[in-house]
Amino acid sequence: MTKNAVTALNFEDHFGLSPERLSKTLEAALSRGGDFAEVFMEYQVFTSIRMEEDIIKDTAESVNRGAGIRVICQGRTGYAYTNDLTETKLTKGALTAAAIAAGRAGKVSELRSTFPETTFYPVRLNPHSQPLSTRIDMVKEAYNAAQRFDPRVKIVKAGYADQIQHTTVVNSEGLCISDVKPMVKLTCVVIAEAGGQREAGYYGGGGRVGLEYFADSLSPEDIGRNAAQEAVHLLEAVDAPAGEMPVVLAPGHSGVLIHEAVGHLLEADFNRKKTSVFWDKLGTQVGSEQVTIYDDPTIPYFRGSYNMDDEGTLPRKTALITRGRVTGLLQDRLSSRLMQAPLTGHGRRQDYTCIPIPRMSNTYIDKGEYAPDEILKSVKRGFYAHLYQGGQVEDSGKFTFSVSSGFLIEDGRLTVPVRQATLIGSTLDILRKITMVGSDLQFGLQTGTCGKEGQHAPVTDGCPTLKIESMTVGGRQ
């Protein structure tokens, strides 16, 4: 990728703080002892637009600025934050975070200013350089396209959001690194009705892109039409079957199942606390040799990508499972210290009010060798899972996922559309039962957000067509 354009020093441009002031804050944070101290600074501009009932319901713009101060002492974490960046408040926050420690003052290394050498999201058309009317027109285009799609479309909601986030991380080891992260999202929700039955459709796009994305990659009209098409399609679907049967997961959207059922359980904090089913499985064969799973924050323009994580660590593609064997965990700085493992660049936080924790970014099963048609033809009778509403996963690996849209597979072909199915299983069982992995790796919509411990982070997930030998499908008997 290209050289990062973030050459200005964020801590001076956006926070009004000198390196000397930040060094003194770090010294206050380590004044009672401690192994490590950090200041995370954030300046964010956010815009949103919402359209319902044929009118623009509201628009909003907000600016947030603040700093979070963290102290780590022998595995314990002290944290404080403030939106007042005066010397008095920063010192008070630093001393509050330092309260977990008791001992001789720690050492602060001289700050060395830097920035990521590459950027994974060079934006051509910054949304904030355009008038609000341009973005409102995009929302209207998506809304009108959905409304015109079919007379059975009764309700349409379209929404847009963008943000520019400036972040700087300084720590007691001398790190001083800055980045600027863009984010754009345009979505549409449609309710279609016929014969007293209502169904919902959803579609959207975006990522760490500029407004050029909606001209070059996915138009607002396509977003509206695709949402309406899904809602209308579901009006013609039948209730899901029930029982044990072969299940084929569609490419792209089905990555959410991998994200929830596997990815979370390979985040380092769950493993060092021994709450994950994988806590003692590093190096162990847990699934089919066809299964290789990566988390990669460096995919250009993706919603889950970043030039540096929220601890200032440069990210890297991490192999979680390689040919069925557990080969890696997603590490933040605290877990890396406690587990004596290398950093992977997966320390993420919702904003400056939150501590960083290990999080996924762009998580996916790598492509295999089978053509999608070959996978379908191998199934006499089964279920094809296409679109998802969400799911729940326990630390033990047991999960349930709601499938909003799918198809019956009969004699190797997709036949009757199906709605409202539930997939039930356990992570280790499913990983062993993946018998065919397709060559058609795709990624889901660039609109996903992952929740963990009350924090939300943008993510992307993906997979190729997958065949699971046998799985419990919940539906009508």
Protein backbone atom coordinates (compact mmCIF):
# COMPACT_ATOMS: atom_id res chain seq x y z
CA MET A 1 0.00 0.00 0.00
CA THR A 2 0.99 3.65 -0.19
CA LYS A 3 2.90 5.62 2.39
CA ASN A 4 0.71 6.84 5.19
CA ALA A 5 -0.28 10.46 4.70
CA VAL A 6 -0.51 11.04 8.46
CA THR A 7 2.66 13.08 8.78
CA ALA A 8 1.30 15.74 11.12
CA LEU A 9 1.57 15.02 14.80
CA ASN A 10 -1.94 14.38 16.09
CA PHE A 11 -1.05 15.11 19.70
CA GLU A 12 -0.16 18.69 18.76
CA ASP A 13 -2.71 19.31 15.98
CA HIS A 14 -5.80 17.85 17.62
CA PHE A 15 -5.04 17.63 21.33
CA GLY A 16 -2.91 20.71 22.03
CA LEU A 17 -0.42 18.61 23.98
CA SER A 18 3.34 18.77 23.71
CA PRO A 19 5.62 15.73 24.03
CA GLU A 20 6.86 17.21 27.32
CA ARG A 21 3.31 17.37 28.73
CA LEU A 22 2.63 13.77 27.69
CA SER A 23 5.90 12.59 29.26
CA LYS A 24 4.91 14.23 32.54
CA THR A 25 1.53 12.50 32.39
CA LEU A 26 3.25 9.15 31.93
CA GLU A 27 5.59 9.93 34.83
CA ALA A 28 2.59 10.68 37.06
CA ALA A 29 1.00 7.40 35.97
CA LEU A 30 4.11 5.48 37.09
CA SER A 31 4.78 7.60 40.18
CA ARG A 32 3.51 4.84 42.49
CA GLY A 33 5.19 2.01 40.64
CA GLY A 34 3.84 -0.10 37.82
CA ASP A 35 5.30 -1.94 34.87
CA PHE A 36 3.79 0.08 32.04
CA ALA A 37 1.81 3.27 31.39
CA GLU A 38 -0.02 4.52 28.31
CA VAL A 39 -2.05 7.50 27.14
CA PHE A 40 -4.59 6.94 24.34
CA MET A 41 -5.90 10.15 22.73
CA GLU A 42 -8.87 10.36 20.39
CA TYR A 43 -10.46 13.12 18.32
CA GLN A 44 -13.50 11.98 16.35
CA VAL A 45 -15.97 13.74 14.04
CA PHE A 46 -19.19 11.80 13.39
CA THR A 47 -22.11 12.43 11.00
CA SER A 48 -25.40 10.51 10.71
CA ILE A 49 -28.49 10.78 8.48
CA ARG A 50 -31.78 8.87 8.82
CA MET A 51 -34.70 8.70 6.37
CA GLU A 52 -38.13 7.21 7.10
CA GLU A 53 -41.72 7.84 5.96
CA ASP A 54 -40.51 9.64 2.82
CA ILE A 55 -38.65 12.36 4.71
CA ILE A 56 -35.22 12.94 6.21
CA LYS A 57 -36.06 12.30 9.86
CA ASP A 58 -32.86 13.65 11.32
CA THR A 59 -29.24 14.50 10.75
CA ALA A 60 -26.60 14.85 13.42
CA GLU A 61 -22.97 15.78 13.75
CA SER A 62 -20.85 15.35 16.84
CA VAL A 63 -17.26 15.90 17.88
CA ASN A 64 -15.66 13.86 20.65
CA ARG A 65 -12.24 14.41 22.15
CA GLY A 66 -10.57 12.86 25.14
CA ALA A 67 -7.82 10.72 26.58
CA GLY A 68 -7.62 7.43 28.43
CA ILE A 69 -4.73 6.69 30.79
CA ARG A 70 -3.75 3.12 31.67
CA VAL A 71 -1.31 1.62 34.16
CA ILE A 72 -0.40 -2.07 34.22
CA CYS A 73 1.14 -3.51 37.38
CA GLN A 74 1.77 -7.26 37.65
CA GLY A 75 -1.30 -8.18 35.66
CA ARG A 76 -3.59 -5.59 37.25
CA THR A 77 -4.94 -2.67 35.23
CA GLY A 78 -5.74 0.83 36.42
CA TYR A 79 -7.65 3.07 34.04
CA ALA A 80 -8.98 6.62 34.00
CA TYR A 81 -10.26 8.90 31.25
CA THR A 82 -11.12 12.55 30.73
CA ASN A 83 -12.51 14.83 28.05
CA ASP A 84 -10.67 17.75 29.64
CA LEU A 85 -7.09 17.73 28.39
CA THR A 86 -5.75 20.36 30.78
CA GLU A 87 -2.65 19.58 32.80
CA THR A 88 -4.66 19.33 36.02
CA LYS A 89 -7.15 16.78 34.68
CA LEU A 90 -4.53 14.67 32.92
CA THR A 91 -2.43 14.49 36.09
CA LYS A 92 -5.48 13.61 38.16
CA GLY A 93 -6.39 10.85 35.70
CA ALA A 94 -2.83 9.53 35.72
CA LEU A 95 -2.76 9.35 39.53
CA THR A 96 -6.16 7.63 39.56
CA ALA A 97 -4.91 4.96 37.17
CA ALA A 98 -1.75 4.64 39.27
CA ALA A 99 -3.72 3.75 42.40
CA ILE A 100 -3.38 0.01 41.66
CA ALA A 101 0.39 0.21 42.22
CA ALA A 102 2.46 0.73 45.35
CA GLY A 103 6.20 0.97 45.06
CA ARG A 104 9.08 2.90 43.54
CA ALA A 105 8.30 5.17 40.59
CA GLY A 106 8.63 3.51 37.20
CA LYS A 107 10.80 4.76 34.37
CA VAL A 108 9.49 6.62 31.31
CA SER A 109 11.57 6.42 28.13
CA GLU A 110 12.00 9.41 25.84
CA LEU A 111 9.12 9.68 23.37
CA ARG A 112 9.97 8.90 19.73
CA SER A 113 7.35 10.22 17.32
CA THR A 114 6.38 7.91 14.46
CA PHE A 115 3.46 6.83 12.33
CA PRO A 116 2.55 3.62 10.44
CA GLU A 117 4.65 3.24 7.30
CA THR A 118 1.68 2.09 5.19
CA THR A 119 -2.00 2.89 5.07
CA PHE A 120 -4.68 0.36 4.28
CA TYR A 121 -7.31 3.00 3.55
CA PRO A 122 -6.14 5.84 1.29
CA VAL A 123 -9.34 7.85 0.77
CA ARG A 124 -9.88 9.86 -2.41
CA LEU A 125 -13.10 11.66 -1.48
CA ASN A 126 -13.29 12.54 2.20
CA PRO A 127 -16.99 12.73 3.20
CA HIS A 128 -16.31 15.75 5.38
CA SER A 129 -14.98 17.64 2.36
CA GLN A 130 -18.42 17.34 0.75
CA PRO A 131 -21.61 19.23 1.61
CA LEU A 132 -24.16 17.44 3.76
CA SER A 133 -26.59 17.60 0.83
CA THR A 134 -24.39 15.18 -1.14
CA ARG A 135 -24.72 12.56 1.58
CA ILE A 136 -28.45 13.22 1.99
CA ASP A 137 -28.90 12.60 -1.75
CA MET A 138 -27.23 9.19 -1.36
CA VAL A 139 -29.67 8.25 1.41
CA LYS A 140 -32.61 9.34 -0.75
CA GLU A 141 -31.32 7.30 -3.70
CA ALA A 142 -31.18 4.12 -1.61
CA TYR A 143 -34.58 4.82 -0.06
CA ASN A 144 -36.31 5.52 -3.38
CA ALA A 145 -34.77 2.50 -5.10
CA ALA A 146 -36.14 0.22 -2.36
CA GLN A 147 -39.56 1.83 -2.41
CA ARG A 148 -39.90 1.49 -6.20
CA PHE A 149 -38.78 -2.14 -6.27
CA ASP A 150 -42.14 -3.86 -5.70
CA PRO A 151 -45.66 -2.82 -4.65
CA ARG A 152 -45.39 -5.22 -1.71
CA VAL A 153 -42.72 -2.99 -0.16
CA LYS A 154 -44.51 -1.14 2.65
CA ILE A 155 -41.81 0.34 4.91
CA VAL A 156 -38.34 1.58 4.05
CA LYS A 157 -35.65 2.94 6.36
CA ALA A 158 -32.33 4.21 5.06
CA GLY A 159 -29.40 5.39 7.13
CA TYR A 160 -25.94 6.81 6.63
CA ALA A 161 -23.02 7.35 9.00
CA ASP A 162 -19.43 8.48 8.61
CA GLN A 163 -16.60 9.31 10.95
CA ILE A 164 -13.02 10.46 10.92
CA GLN A 165 -11.08 9.27 13.97
CA HIS A 166 -7.68 10.76 14.85
CA THR A 167 -5.80 8.69 17.42
CA THR A 168 -2.42 8.98 19.11
CA VAL A 169 -0.87 6.48 21.52
CA VAL A 170 2.10 7.28 23.76
CA ASN A 171 3.53 4.92 26.35
CA SER A 172 6.28 4.58 28.91
CA GLU A 173 8.43 2.55 26.51
CA GLY A 174 8.85 5.65 24.34
CA LEU A 175 6.23 4.88 21.71
CA CYS A 176 4.45 7.89 20.18
CA ILE A 177 2.40 6.92 17.13
CA SER A 178 -0.57 8.46 15.31
CA ASP A 179 -3.17 7.46 12.74
CA VAL A 180 -6.32 8.76 11.04
CA LYS A 181 -9.11 6.24 10.43
CA PRO A 182 -12.02 6.94 8.06
CA MET A 183 -15.31 5.01 8.17
CA VAL A 184 -18.45 5.18 6.03
CA LYS A 185 -21.67 3.13 6.07
CA LEU A 186 -24.92 3.32 4.05
CA THR A 187 -27.70 0.83 4.89
CA CYS A 188 -31.31 0.12 4.03
CA VAL A 189 -34.01 -1.87 5.86
CA VAL A 190 -37.19 -2.90 4.04
CA ILE A 191 -40.46 -4.42 5.26
CA ALA A 192 -42.55 -6.17 2.60
CA GLU A 193 -46.10 -7.40 3.19
CA ALA A 194 -48.54 -9.73 1.40
CA GLY A 195 -51.55 -11.65 2.66
CA GLY A 196 -51.07 -10.45 6.22
CA GLN A 197 -47.47 -11.71 6.30
CA ARG A 198 -44.52 -9.37 6.81
CA GLU A 199 -40.84 -10.00 6.09
CA ALA A 200 -37.73 -7.84 6.47
CA GLY A 201 -34.74 -7.33 4.20
CA TYR A 202 -31.43 -5.62 4.89
CA TYR A 203 -28.47 -4.53 2.79
CA GLY A 204 -25.63 -2.07 3.06
CA GLY A 205 -22.03 -1.24 2.33
CA GLY A 206 -19.08 0.91 3.22
CA GLY A 207 -15.84 0.35 5.07
CA ARG A 208 -12.73 2.45 5.58
CA VAL A 209 -13.42 4.22 2.30
CA GLY A 210 -14.39 7.59 0.92
CA LEU A 211 -17.55 8.53 -0.95
CA GLU A 212 -15.93 7.25 -4.17
CA TYR A 213 -16.90 3.76 -2.95
CA PHE A 214 -20.57 4.43 -3.73
CA ALA A 215 -19.69 5.40 -7.30
CA ASP A 216 -17.03 2.75 -7.97
CA SER A 217 -18.09 -0.33 -5.97
CA LEU A 218 -21.66 -0.29 -4.66
CA SER A 219 -24.26 2.32 -5.60
CA PRO A 220 -26.96 3.58 -3.22
CA GLU A 221 -29.55 2.27 -5.71
CA ASP A 222 -28.10 -1.24 -5.49
CA ILE A 223 -28.23 -1.09 -1.70
CA GLY A 224 -31.93 -0.17 -1.75
CA ARG A 225 -32.83 -2.75 -4.40
CA ASN A 226 -30.98 -5.57 -2.66
CA ALA A 227 -32.71 -4.86 0.65
CA ALA A 228 -36.12 -4.84 -1.04
CA GLN A 229 -35.33 -7.98 -3.01
CA GLU A 230 -34.53 -9.91 0.17
CA ALA A 231 -37.78 -8.83 1.87
CA VAL A 232 -39.92 -9.74 -1.16
CA HIS A 233 -38.07 -13.03 -1.60
CA LEU A 234 -38.86 -14.05 1.99
CA LEU A 235 -42.59 -13.57 1.37
CA GLU A 236 -42.40 -16.62 -0.87
CA ALA A 237 -40.34 -18.73 1.54
CA VAL A 238 -41.61 -21.65 3.63
CA ASP A 239 -40.86 -22.50 7.25
CA ALA A 240 -37.60 -24.28 7.88
CA PRO A 241 -37.41 -28.06 8.31
CA ALA A 242 -36.14 -29.54 11.58
CA GLY A 243 -33.69 -32.28 12.45
CA GLU A 244 -30.17 -33.49 11.74
CA MET A 245 -29.08 -32.99 8.16
CA PRO A 246 -26.17 -31.87 5.97
CA VAL A 247 -25.81 -28.09 5.97
CA VAL A 248 -24.10 -25.96 3.33
CA LEU A 249 -23.07 -22.45 4.35
CA ALA A 250 -23.24 -19.77 1.67
CA PRO A 251 -20.04 -17.81 0.93
CA GLY A 252 -19.55 -14.40 2.48
CA HIS A 253 -22.46 -13.92 4.87
CA SER A 254 -21.80 -17.23 6.65
CA GLY A 255 -18.54 -15.83 7.94
CA VAL A 256 -20.55 -14.45 10.88
CA LEU A 257 -20.90 -18.01 12.17
CA ILE A 258 -17.12 -18.48 12.05
CA HIS A 259 -16.63 -15.09 13.74
CA GLU A 260 -18.93 -15.94 16.63
CA ALA A 261 -18.43 -19.68 17.03
CA VAL A 262 -14.65 -19.78 16.54
CA GLY A 263 -13.10 -16.30 16.46
CA HIS A 264 -14.16 -15.08 19.91
CA LEU A 265 -12.91 -18.28 21.50
CA LEU A 266 -9.44 -17.62 20.06
CA GLU A 267 -9.10 -14.15 21.60
CA ALA A 268 -6.24 -14.31 24.09
CA ASP A 269 -8.01 -13.02 27.21
CA PHE A 270 -10.54 -15.88 27.17
CA ASN A 271 -7.68 -18.36 26.84
CA ARG A 272 -5.42 -16.98 29.57
CA LYS A 273 -8.46 -16.98 31.88
CA LYS A 274 -9.18 -20.59 30.80
CA THR A 275 -12.80 -19.79 29.94
CA SER A 276 -12.48 -20.69 26.25
CA VAL A 277 -12.87 -24.23 25.00
CA PHE A 278 -9.52 -23.67 23.23
CA TRP A 279 -7.55 -22.62 26.33
CA ASP A 280 -5.42 -25.81 26.32
CA LYS A 281 -5.63 -26.56 22.59
CA LEU A 282 -2.73 -24.52 21.13
CA GLY A 283 -0.92 -26.85 18.74
CA THR A 284 -3.76 -29.38 18.92
CA GLN A 285 -5.76 -30.74 15.98
CA VAL A 286 -9.32 -29.56 16.57
CA GLY A 287 -10.89 -29.78 13.12
CA SER A 288 -10.74 -30.98 9.56
CA GLU A 289 -7.46 -30.50 7.72
CA GLN A 290 -9.44 -28.46 5.20
CA VAL A 291 -10.02 -25.69 7.75
CA THR A 292 -7.64 -22.72 7.89
CA ILE A 293 -8.82 -19.57 9.67
CA TYR A 294 -7.14 -16.16 9.63
CA ASP A 295 -7.72 -12.79 11.22
CA ASP A 296 -6.22 -10.03 9.09
CA PRO A 297 -6.43 -6.30 10.00
CA THR A 298 -4.39 -5.38 6.91
CA ILE A 299 -6.95 -6.00 4.13
CA PRO A 300 -7.23 -2.71 2.21
CA TYR A 301 -10.39 -0.65 2.81
CA PHE A 302 -12.12 -3.27 4.98
CA ARG A 303 -14.25 -2.15 7.91
CA GLY A 304 -12.19 -4.16 10.39
CA SER A 305 -8.79 -2.94 9.12
CA TYR A 306 -6.42 -0.48 10.77
CA ASN A 307 -2.88 0.82 10.33
CA MET A 308 -2.21 0.40 14.05
CA ASP A 309 -4.27 -1.07 16.83
CA ASP A 310 -5.50 1.00 19.79
CA GLU A 311 -2.30 0.29 21.71
CA GLY A 312 -0.09 1.57 18.87
CA THR A 313 0.99 -1.92 17.73
CA LEU A 314 1.37 -2.48 14.00
CA PRO A 315 -1.09 -5.25 13.03
CA ARG A 316 -0.34 -8.46 11.21
CA LYS A 317 -2.28 -11.26 9.59
CA THR A 318 -2.62 -13.99 12.20
CA ALA A 319 -3.25 -17.67 11.52
CA LEU A 320 -5.67 -18.93 14.18
CA ILE A 321 -6.25 -22.43 12.83
CA THR A 322 -4.01 -24.00 10.18
CA ARG A 323 -5.24 -27.17 8.48
CA GLY A 324 -7.37 -27.94 11.50
CA ARG A 325 -4.68 -27.24 14.11
CA VAL A 326 -4.82 -24.28 16.55
CA THR A 327 -1.80 -22.14 15.69
CA GLY A 328 -2.45 -18.70 17.15
CA LEU A 329 -4.40 -16.37 19.40
CA LEU A 330 -5.36 -12.71 19.05
CA GLN A 331 -3.17 -10.81 21.50
CA ASP A 332 -3.36 -7.41 23.12
CA ARG A 333 -0.54 -5.98 25.22
CA LEU A 334 -1.78 -7.25 28.60
CA SER A 335 -2.45 -10.81 27.46
CA SER A 336 0.83 -10.87 25.56
CA ARG A 337 2.71 -9.94 28.74
CA LEU A 338 0.90 -12.48 30.91
CA MET A 339 1.12 -15.30 28.36
CA GLN A 340 4.66 -14.39 27.24
CA ALA A 341 3.48 -14.43 23.64
CA PRO A 342 4.23 -12.09 20.72
CA LEU A 343 1.94 -9.13 20.06
CA THR A 344 -0.34 -9.56 17.04
CA GLY A 345 -1.84 -6.06 16.92
CA HIS A 346 -5.34 -6.93 18.13
CA GLY A 347 -5.71 -4.60 21.13
CA ARG A 348 -8.86 -2.61 20.31
CA ARG A 349 -11.21 -0.32 22.21
CA GLN A 350 -14.52 1.36 21.44
CA ASP A 351 -13.21 4.82 22.34
CA TYR A 352 -11.03 6.65 24.85
CA THR A 353 -13.36 5.76 27.73
CA CYS A 354 -12.59 2.03 27.36
CA ILE A 355 -9.61 -0.18 28.09
CA PRO A 356 -8.18 -2.11 25.12
CA ILE A 357 -9.01 -5.81 24.92
CA PRO A 358 -8.21 -8.54 22.35
CA ARG A 359 -10.64 -8.22 19.43
CA MET A 360 -11.12 -9.64 15.97
CA SER A 361 -10.78 -7.47 12.87
CA ASN A 362 -11.40 -9.26 9.55
CA THR A 363 -11.89 -12.97 10.32
CA TYR A 364 -12.36 -15.66 7.69
CA ILE A 365 -11.96 -19.28 6.66
CA ASP A 366 -9.50 -19.48 3.79
CA LYS A 367 -10.58 -20.86 0.44
CA GLY A 368 -10.35 -24.56 -0.34
CA GLU A 369 -10.28 -26.71 -3.46
CA TYR A 370 -13.94 -27.51 -4.22
CA ALA A 371 -16.15 -25.73 -6.74
CA PRO A 372 -19.43 -24.48 -5.17
CA ASP A 373 -21.51 -26.61 -7.58
CA GLU A 374 -19.52 -29.69 -6.61
CA ILE A 375 -20.37 -29.08 -2.95
CA LEU A 376 -24.10 -28.71 -3.65
CA LYS A 377 -24.16 -31.82 -5.87
CA SER A 378 -22.74 -33.89 -3.01
CA VAL A 379 -25.90 -33.28 -0.91
CA LYS A 380 -28.96 -35.44 -1.54
CA ARG A 381 -31.18 -33.57 0.89
CA GLY A 382 -30.09 -30.80 3.24
CA PHE A 383 -30.23 -27.13 4.14
CA TYR A 384 -28.45 -24.15 2.56
CA ALA A 385 -27.91 -21.26 5.00
CA HIS A 386 -27.72 -17.93 3.20
CA LEU A 387 -28.43 -14.88 5.41
CA TYR A 388 -28.23 -14.52 9.20
CA GLN A 389 -29.89 -12.46 11.92
CA GLY A 390 -27.39 -13.20 14.68
CA GLY A 391 -26.53 -15.82 17.24
CA GLN A 392 -25.29 -16.75 20.70
CA VAL A 393 -22.11 -18.62 21.63
CA GLU A 394 -21.09 -19.89 25.07
CA ASP A 395 -17.49 -20.21 26.29
CA SER A 396 -17.96 -23.97 25.99
CA GLY A 397 -18.42 -23.54 22.24
CA LYS A 398 -22.14 -24.37 22.17
CA PHE A 399 -23.99 -22.02 19.82
CA THR A 400 -27.31 -21.19 18.18
CA PHE A 401 -27.63 -19.05 15.06
CA SER A 402 -30.76 -17.60 13.49
CA VAL A 403 -30.87 -17.93 9.71
CA SER A 404 -33.23 -15.41 8.14
CA SER A 405 -33.00 -16.84 4.62
CA GLY A 406 -31.95 -20.13 3.08
CA PHE A 407 -32.97 -22.91 0.70
CA LEU A 408 -33.71 -26.60 0.75
CA ILE A 409 -31.14 -28.69 -1.06
CA GLU A 410 -32.76 -31.52 -3.01
CA ASP A 411 -30.80 -33.84 -5.28
CA GLY A 412 -27.86 -31.44 -5.33
CA ARG A 413 -29.88 -28.35 -6.26
CA LEU A 414 -31.25 -25.31 -4.40
CA THR A 415 -35.04 -25.56 -4.52
CA VAL A 416 -37.57 -24.12 -2.06
CA PRO A 417 -36.67 -20.83 -0.29
CA VAL A 418 -36.75 -21.21 3.49
CA ARG A 419 -37.08 -18.65 6.29
CA GLN A 420 -36.43 -18.52 10.03
CA ALA A 421 -34.20 -21.53 10.62
CA THR A 422 -31.94 -22.07 13.61
CA LEU A 423 -28.52 -23.74 13.45
CA ILE A 424 -27.53 -25.52 16.66
CA GLY A 425 -24.15 -27.04 17.42
CA SER A 426 -20.80 -26.81 19.18
CA THR A 427 -17.58 -25.34 17.84
CA LEU A 428 -15.31 -28.39 18.16
CA ASP A 429 -17.96 -30.70 16.70
CA ILE A 430 -18.62 -28.46 13.69
CA LEU A 431 -14.92 -27.91 12.95
CA ARG A 432 -14.49 -31.68 12.70
CA LYS A 433 -17.57 -32.07 10.49
CA ILE A 434 -16.52 -29.60 7.78
CA THR A 435 -15.96 -31.99 4.89
CA MET A 436 -15.75 -29.67 1.87
CA VAL A 437 -14.37 -26.12 1.60
CA GLY A 438 -15.11 -24.14 -1.54
CA SER A 439 -12.77 -22.13 -3.74
CA ASP A 440 -15.09 -19.08 -3.72
CA LEU A 441 -13.94 -17.06 -0.68
CA GLN A 442 -16.18 -14.01 -0.21
CA PHE A 443 -16.71 -11.48 2.57
CA GLY A 444 -19.94 -10.30 4.17
CA LEU A 445 -21.38 -6.80 4.09
CA GLN A 446 -19.06 -4.00 5.19
CA THR A 447 -21.51 -2.95 7.91
CA GLY A 448 -20.79 -5.33 10.80
CA THR A 449 -20.15 -4.39 14.41
CA CYS A 450 -18.98 -6.81 17.10
CA GLY A 451 -19.88 -6.49 20.77
CA LYS A 452 -17.72 -7.70 23.64
CA GLU A 453 -17.72 -6.68 27.31
CA GLY A 454 -19.92 -3.69 26.53
CA GLN A 455 -17.61 -2.39 23.80
CA HIS A 456 -18.39 -2.27 20.08
CA ALA A 457 -15.85 -2.49 17.26
CA PRO A 458 -16.22 -2.54 13.45
CA VAL A 459 -15.44 -5.92 11.90
CA THR A 460 -15.72 -7.92 8.70
CA ASP A 461 -16.01 -11.68 8.31
CA GLY A 462 -15.98 -14.11 5.42
CA CYS A 463 -15.84 -17.66 4.17
CA PRO A 464 -16.18 -19.73 1.01
CA THR A 465 -18.99 -22.22 0.47
CA LEU A 466 -18.72 -24.85 3.24
CA LYS A 467 -20.28 -28.26 3.68
CA ILE A 468 -20.95 -29.49 7.22
CA GLU A 469 -21.60 -33.22 7.20
CA SER A 470 -24.35 -33.11 9.81
CA MET A 471 -25.89 -30.34 11.92
CA THR A 472 -29.04 -29.71 13.91
CA VAL A 473 -31.46 -27.42 12.10
CA GLY A 474 -34.33 -26.02 14.17
CA GLY A 475 -37.62 -25.31 12.41
CA ARG A 476 -41.02 -26.91 11.95
CA GLN A 477 -41.38 -30.61 12.63
